N, C-alpha and C. Protein backbone atom coordinates (compact mmCIF):
# COMPACT_ATOMS: atom_id res chain seq x y z
N MET A 1 21.53 8.89 -16.80
CA MET A 1 21.57 7.90 -15.76
C MET A 1 20.15 7.64 -15.26
N LYS A 2 19.82 6.39 -15.12
CA LYS A 2 18.52 6.02 -14.59
C LYS A 2 18.68 5.60 -13.14
N ILE A 3 17.80 6.11 -12.31
CA ILE A 3 17.84 5.82 -10.87
C ILE A 3 17.06 4.53 -10.59
N GLY A 4 17.59 3.70 -9.71
CA GLY A 4 16.88 2.52 -9.26
C GLY A 4 17.08 1.27 -10.08
N LEU A 5 18.00 1.29 -11.03
CA LEU A 5 18.20 0.12 -11.89
C LEU A 5 18.81 -1.06 -11.15
N ASN A 6 19.69 -0.78 -10.22
CA ASN A 6 20.41 -1.86 -9.54
C ASN A 6 19.84 -2.17 -8.17
N ARG A 7 18.60 -1.93 -7.96
CA ARG A 7 17.98 -2.21 -6.67
C ARG A 7 17.83 -3.70 -6.46
N LYS A 8 18.00 -4.10 -5.22
CA LYS A 8 17.70 -5.48 -4.87
C LYS A 8 16.18 -5.64 -4.92
N ILE A 9 15.72 -6.73 -5.47
CA ILE A 9 14.28 -6.99 -5.62
C ILE A 9 13.87 -8.06 -4.63
N ALA A 10 12.77 -7.80 -3.94
CA ALA A 10 12.18 -8.82 -3.06
C ALA A 10 10.97 -9.39 -3.80
N ASN A 11 10.98 -10.69 -4.01
CA ASN A 11 9.82 -11.37 -4.60
C ASN A 11 8.98 -11.88 -3.44
N ILE A 12 7.83 -11.25 -3.23
CA ILE A 12 6.98 -11.58 -2.09
C ILE A 12 5.71 -12.24 -2.61
N GLU A 13 5.47 -13.46 -2.19
CA GLU A 13 4.28 -14.19 -2.64
C GLU A 13 3.16 -14.04 -1.61
N VAL A 14 2.00 -13.67 -2.12
CA VAL A 14 0.80 -13.55 -1.29
C VAL A 14 -0.34 -14.23 -2.02
N CYS A 15 -0.81 -15.32 -1.48
CA CYS A 15 -1.96 -16.05 -2.04
C CYS A 15 -1.80 -16.31 -3.54
N GLY A 16 -0.65 -16.81 -3.93
CA GLY A 16 -0.42 -17.17 -5.32
C GLY A 16 0.03 -16.03 -6.22
N LYS A 17 0.02 -14.79 -5.73
CA LYS A 17 0.50 -13.65 -6.51
C LYS A 17 1.91 -13.30 -6.05
N ILE A 18 2.77 -13.02 -7.02
CA ILE A 18 4.15 -12.61 -6.72
C ILE A 18 4.26 -11.10 -6.91
N PHE A 19 4.72 -10.42 -5.89
CA PHE A 19 4.95 -8.98 -5.95
C PHE A 19 6.46 -8.75 -5.96
N LYS A 20 6.95 -8.09 -7.01
CA LYS A 20 8.37 -7.76 -7.12
C LYS A 20 8.55 -6.34 -6.59
N ILE A 21 9.14 -6.25 -5.40
CA ILE A 21 9.29 -4.97 -4.73
C ILE A 21 10.74 -4.53 -4.78
N GLY A 22 10.99 -3.39 -5.41
CA GLY A 22 12.33 -2.84 -5.50
C GLY A 22 12.47 -1.53 -4.74
N ILE A 23 11.48 -0.70 -4.84
CA ILE A 23 11.51 0.63 -4.22
C ILE A 23 10.75 0.59 -2.89
N PHE A 24 11.38 1.10 -1.86
CA PHE A 24 10.69 1.33 -0.59
C PHE A 24 10.71 2.84 -0.39
N PRO A 25 9.61 3.52 -0.78
CA PRO A 25 9.62 4.98 -0.88
C PRO A 25 9.71 5.71 0.47
N ILE A 26 10.18 6.94 0.40
CA ILE A 26 10.31 7.79 1.57
C ILE A 26 8.96 7.95 2.26
N ALA A 27 7.89 8.01 1.49
CA ALA A 27 6.55 8.15 2.09
C ALA A 27 6.28 7.00 3.06
N CYS A 28 6.72 5.81 2.72
CA CYS A 28 6.52 4.65 3.60
C CYS A 28 7.36 4.80 4.86
N GLU A 29 8.57 5.29 4.71
CA GLU A 29 9.45 5.49 5.87
C GLU A 29 8.80 6.43 6.88
N SER A 30 8.26 7.55 6.40
CA SER A 30 7.66 8.51 7.32
C SER A 30 6.37 7.96 7.95
N LEU A 31 5.64 7.14 7.22
CA LEU A 31 4.45 6.52 7.79
C LEU A 31 4.81 5.49 8.86
N ILE A 32 5.93 4.81 8.68
CA ILE A 32 6.40 3.87 9.70
C ILE A 32 6.74 4.62 10.99
N VAL A 33 7.36 5.78 10.84
CA VAL A 33 7.68 6.60 12.02
C VAL A 33 6.39 6.99 12.74
N LYS A 34 5.38 7.42 11.99
CA LYS A 34 4.09 7.77 12.60
C LYS A 34 3.49 6.56 13.32
N HIS A 35 3.55 5.41 12.68
CA HIS A 35 3.02 4.17 13.25
C HIS A 35 3.70 3.88 14.59
N ASP A 36 5.03 3.98 14.62
CA ASP A 36 5.79 3.68 15.83
C ASP A 36 5.57 4.74 16.92
N MET A 37 5.37 5.98 16.51
CA MET A 37 5.12 7.05 17.48
C MET A 37 3.81 6.82 18.24
N LEU A 38 2.85 6.19 17.60
CA LEU A 38 1.59 5.88 18.29
C LEU A 38 1.84 4.96 19.49
N ASP A 39 2.77 4.02 19.34
CA ASP A 39 3.13 3.15 20.47
C ASP A 39 3.75 3.97 21.60
N LYS A 40 4.64 4.88 21.25
CA LYS A 40 5.30 5.70 22.27
C LYS A 40 4.30 6.59 22.99
N GLU A 41 3.36 7.16 22.25
CA GLU A 41 2.33 7.99 22.86
C GLU A 41 1.43 7.16 23.78
N PHE A 42 1.12 5.97 23.35
CA PHE A 42 0.25 5.09 24.14
C PHE A 42 0.92 4.71 25.46
N GLU A 43 2.24 4.50 25.41
CA GLU A 43 2.98 4.13 26.62
C GLU A 43 2.94 5.23 27.67
N LYS A 44 2.73 6.48 27.26
CA LYS A 44 2.68 7.61 28.19
C LYS A 44 1.38 7.66 28.98
N ILE A 45 0.35 6.98 28.50
CA ILE A 45 -0.94 6.99 29.19
C ILE A 45 -0.82 6.10 30.43
N LYS A 46 -1.09 6.65 31.59
CA LYS A 46 -0.92 5.92 32.86
C LYS A 46 -1.82 4.71 32.95
N LYS A 47 -3.10 4.90 32.76
CA LYS A 47 -4.06 3.79 32.82
C LYS A 47 -4.94 3.85 31.57
N PRO A 48 -4.44 3.26 30.50
CA PRO A 48 -5.20 3.33 29.25
C PRO A 48 -6.51 2.55 29.33
N SER A 49 -7.52 3.11 28.73
CA SER A 49 -8.81 2.43 28.67
C SER A 49 -8.87 1.54 27.44
N VAL A 50 -9.89 0.75 27.36
CA VAL A 50 -10.10 -0.09 26.18
C VAL A 50 -10.29 0.80 24.96
N ASP A 51 -10.97 1.93 25.13
CA ASP A 51 -11.15 2.87 24.02
C ASP A 51 -9.81 3.44 23.54
N ASP A 52 -8.91 3.73 24.50
CA ASP A 52 -7.57 4.21 24.13
C ASP A 52 -6.85 3.17 23.28
N LEU A 53 -6.89 1.92 23.73
CA LEU A 53 -6.23 0.83 23.01
C LEU A 53 -6.85 0.62 21.63
N ASN A 54 -8.17 0.63 21.57
CA ASN A 54 -8.86 0.46 20.28
C ASN A 54 -8.53 1.60 19.33
N GLY A 55 -8.45 2.81 19.85
CA GLY A 55 -8.12 3.97 19.02
C GLY A 55 -6.71 3.87 18.44
N LYS A 56 -5.76 3.46 19.28
CA LYS A 56 -4.38 3.29 18.82
C LYS A 56 -4.31 2.19 17.77
N ASN A 57 -4.97 1.06 18.05
CA ASN A 57 -4.93 -0.06 17.10
C ASN A 57 -5.55 0.32 15.76
N GLU A 58 -6.66 1.02 15.80
CA GLU A 58 -7.32 1.44 14.56
C GLU A 58 -6.44 2.41 13.77
N ALA A 59 -5.81 3.35 14.47
CA ALA A 59 -4.93 4.32 13.79
C ALA A 59 -3.73 3.60 13.16
N GLN A 60 -3.15 2.64 13.89
CA GLN A 60 -2.02 1.88 13.35
C GLN A 60 -2.45 1.01 12.17
N PHE A 61 -3.62 0.44 12.26
CA PHE A 61 -4.15 -0.39 11.18
C PHE A 61 -4.29 0.43 9.90
N GLU A 62 -4.82 1.64 10.03
CA GLU A 62 -4.99 2.51 8.86
C GLU A 62 -3.63 2.92 8.29
N LEU A 63 -2.67 3.18 9.17
CA LEU A 63 -1.33 3.53 8.69
C LEU A 63 -0.69 2.36 7.95
N GLN A 64 -0.93 1.14 8.42
CA GLN A 64 -0.39 -0.04 7.73
C GLN A 64 -0.93 -0.13 6.31
N PHE A 65 -2.21 0.15 6.14
CA PHE A 65 -2.78 0.12 4.79
C PHE A 65 -2.24 1.27 3.94
N GLU A 66 -1.99 2.41 4.55
CA GLU A 66 -1.43 3.53 3.82
C GLU A 66 0.01 3.21 3.37
N ILE A 67 0.77 2.57 4.25
CA ILE A 67 2.13 2.14 3.89
C ILE A 67 2.06 1.14 2.73
N LEU A 68 1.19 0.17 2.86
CA LEU A 68 1.03 -0.86 1.83
C LEU A 68 0.64 -0.23 0.50
N GLU A 69 -0.29 0.69 0.52
CA GLU A 69 -0.73 1.36 -0.71
C GLU A 69 0.43 2.10 -1.36
N ASN A 70 1.17 2.90 -0.59
CA ASN A 70 2.32 3.63 -1.13
C ASN A 70 3.38 2.69 -1.69
N LEU A 71 3.62 1.61 -0.98
CA LEU A 71 4.61 0.62 -1.40
C LEU A 71 4.23 -0.02 -2.73
N LEU A 72 2.99 -0.43 -2.84
CA LEU A 72 2.53 -1.08 -4.08
C LEU A 72 2.53 -0.11 -5.26
N ILE A 73 1.99 1.08 -5.06
CA ILE A 73 1.91 2.05 -6.14
C ILE A 73 3.31 2.45 -6.62
N SER A 74 4.25 2.63 -5.68
CA SER A 74 5.60 3.02 -6.08
C SER A 74 6.31 1.91 -6.87
N ASN A 75 5.83 0.68 -6.73
CA ASN A 75 6.39 -0.45 -7.47
C ASN A 75 5.51 -0.86 -8.64
N GLU A 76 4.62 0.05 -9.04
CA GLU A 76 3.78 -0.07 -10.23
C GLU A 76 2.71 -1.15 -10.14
N TYR A 77 2.16 -1.34 -8.94
CA TYR A 77 1.02 -2.22 -8.75
C TYR A 77 -0.19 -1.37 -8.38
N GLU A 78 -1.37 -1.86 -8.76
CA GLU A 78 -2.59 -1.22 -8.30
C GLU A 78 -2.86 -1.67 -6.88
N PHE A 79 -3.48 -0.80 -6.11
CA PHE A 79 -3.80 -1.14 -4.73
C PHE A 79 -5.30 -1.40 -4.63
N ASP A 80 -5.65 -2.60 -4.22
CA ASP A 80 -7.05 -2.99 -4.03
C ASP A 80 -7.20 -3.40 -2.56
N ARG A 81 -7.63 -2.46 -1.75
CA ARG A 81 -7.72 -2.70 -0.31
C ARG A 81 -8.60 -3.91 0.01
N LYS A 82 -9.69 -4.06 -0.70
CA LYS A 82 -10.60 -5.18 -0.45
C LYS A 82 -9.88 -6.52 -0.64
N TRP A 83 -9.04 -6.61 -1.69
CA TRP A 83 -8.30 -7.84 -1.93
C TRP A 83 -7.40 -8.16 -0.74
N TRP A 84 -6.67 -7.16 -0.27
CA TRP A 84 -5.76 -7.36 0.87
C TRP A 84 -6.52 -7.71 2.14
N GLU A 85 -7.66 -7.07 2.34
CA GLU A 85 -8.46 -7.35 3.55
C GLU A 85 -9.03 -8.76 3.55
N THR A 86 -9.27 -9.32 2.39
CA THR A 86 -9.86 -10.67 2.32
C THR A 86 -8.82 -11.78 2.19
N HIS A 87 -7.55 -11.41 1.97
CA HIS A 87 -6.52 -12.43 1.79
C HIS A 87 -5.48 -12.48 2.91
N LEU A 88 -5.37 -11.42 3.71
CA LEU A 88 -4.38 -11.39 4.78
C LEU A 88 -4.98 -10.85 6.07
N ASP A 89 -4.35 -11.24 7.17
CA ASP A 89 -4.70 -10.62 8.45
C ASP A 89 -3.70 -9.50 8.72
N VAL A 90 -3.82 -8.87 9.88
CA VAL A 90 -2.96 -7.74 10.22
C VAL A 90 -1.48 -8.16 10.23
N LEU A 91 -1.19 -9.33 10.78
CA LEU A 91 0.19 -9.80 10.82
C LEU A 91 0.74 -10.06 9.42
N GLY A 92 -0.09 -10.53 8.52
CA GLY A 92 0.33 -10.76 7.14
C GLY A 92 0.72 -9.46 6.45
N ILE A 93 -0.04 -8.41 6.71
CA ILE A 93 0.28 -7.11 6.11
C ILE A 93 1.59 -6.58 6.68
N LEU A 94 1.76 -6.73 7.99
CA LEU A 94 3.02 -6.31 8.60
C LEU A 94 4.20 -7.11 8.04
N GLU A 95 4.00 -8.40 7.85
CA GLU A 95 5.05 -9.26 7.31
C GLU A 95 5.44 -8.82 5.90
N PHE A 96 4.45 -8.47 5.08
CA PHE A 96 4.71 -8.00 3.72
C PHE A 96 5.56 -6.74 3.76
N ILE A 97 5.15 -5.78 4.59
CA ILE A 97 5.88 -4.50 4.70
C ILE A 97 7.30 -4.75 5.20
N LEU A 98 7.44 -5.56 6.23
CA LEU A 98 8.77 -5.81 6.81
C LEU A 98 9.68 -6.57 5.84
N THR A 99 9.11 -7.48 5.07
CA THR A 99 9.91 -8.20 4.07
C THR A 99 10.42 -7.23 3.00
N ALA A 100 9.55 -6.32 2.56
CA ALA A 100 9.96 -5.33 1.56
C ALA A 100 11.04 -4.41 2.13
N LYS A 101 10.90 -4.03 3.38
CA LYS A 101 11.87 -3.14 4.03
C LYS A 101 13.20 -3.86 4.29
N SER A 102 13.14 -5.10 4.71
CA SER A 102 14.35 -5.82 5.10
C SER A 102 15.29 -6.06 3.94
N LYS A 103 14.79 -6.13 2.72
CA LYS A 103 15.67 -6.32 1.56
C LYS A 103 16.65 -5.17 1.44
N ASP A 104 16.24 -3.96 1.80
CA ASP A 104 17.14 -2.80 1.75
C ASP A 104 18.13 -2.84 2.90
N ILE A 105 17.68 -3.26 4.06
CA ILE A 105 18.57 -3.35 5.22
C ILE A 105 19.68 -4.36 4.93
N GLU A 106 19.31 -5.50 4.37
CA GLU A 106 20.30 -6.54 4.02
C GLU A 106 21.29 -6.01 2.98
N ALA A 107 20.80 -5.26 1.99
CA ALA A 107 21.68 -4.74 0.94
C ALA A 107 22.66 -3.72 1.51
N VAL A 108 22.21 -2.85 2.40
CA VAL A 108 23.09 -1.85 3.01
C VAL A 108 24.14 -2.53 3.87
N THR A 109 23.74 -3.53 4.64
CA THR A 109 24.69 -4.27 5.48
C THR A 109 25.76 -4.93 4.63
N LEU A 110 25.35 -5.53 3.53
CA LEU A 110 26.29 -6.19 2.62
C LEU A 110 27.26 -5.18 2.02
N LYS A 111 26.76 -4.01 1.61
CA LYS A 111 27.62 -2.98 1.02
C LYS A 111 28.63 -2.48 2.06
N LYS A 112 28.18 -2.30 3.31
CA LYS A 112 29.10 -1.85 4.36
C LYS A 112 30.21 -2.87 4.56
N LYS A 113 29.87 -4.15 4.55
CA LYS A 113 30.88 -5.20 4.71
C LYS A 113 31.88 -5.16 3.55
N GLU A 114 31.37 -4.96 2.34
CA GLU A 114 32.25 -4.91 1.17
C GLU A 114 33.21 -3.72 1.27
N VAL A 115 32.70 -2.58 1.71
CA VAL A 115 33.54 -1.39 1.85
C VAL A 115 34.60 -1.61 2.90
N ILE A 116 34.21 -2.17 4.04
CA ILE A 116 35.16 -2.43 5.13
C ILE A 116 36.22 -3.42 4.67
N GLN A 117 35.80 -4.49 4.03
CA GLN A 117 36.75 -5.52 3.59
C GLN A 117 37.66 -4.97 2.50
N GLY A 118 37.12 -4.13 1.65
CA GLY A 118 37.91 -3.55 0.54
C GLY A 118 38.95 -2.56 1.02
N HIS A 119 38.74 -1.96 2.18
CA HIS A 119 39.66 -0.96 2.69
C HIS A 119 40.45 -1.42 3.91
N SER A 120 40.29 -2.67 4.31
CA SER A 120 41.03 -3.16 5.48
C SER A 120 42.45 -3.51 5.07
N PRO A 121 43.39 -3.31 6.00
CA PRO A 121 44.79 -3.65 5.67
C PRO A 121 44.97 -5.14 5.45
N LYS A 122 45.82 -5.51 4.53
CA LYS A 122 46.03 -6.93 4.21
C LYS A 122 47.34 -7.41 4.76
C-alpha cells in the first residue's frame, strides 16, 4: 500500500509557476502552532514596546519561511528563499500556506458529510 495516493491536490499559482501541493506535513503543523503562540505571548505583555513588536514580527516571519520550506520540500520542490522574497510579500506567503492547508480542511469536511449522510436514517 502506498500512502498519500488519494490526496487532494491544491494547484497554487505564484508568478506564473504552478505548485501542486498534496502533503501538508506534521512539521508545518507544529510550526504553525509556534507561530500562533507568539501572538498569545505578545498579548500578555502589558505595554509592548516597538522592539517587542518588531521581535515578534521577525520571529513570525522566519517561522513562515520555515513552514514554506517544509511544505515545498515535502511536495518535492526545491526551496529558494531569494525567489520567494523577490516575488511575494508577507501576505502572499501566508496566503500560499493557508491555501495549501485549506485543501485538507475542505477534504475532511467533505468526508465527514459523506459519513454522516451515509449513516443517517432514511
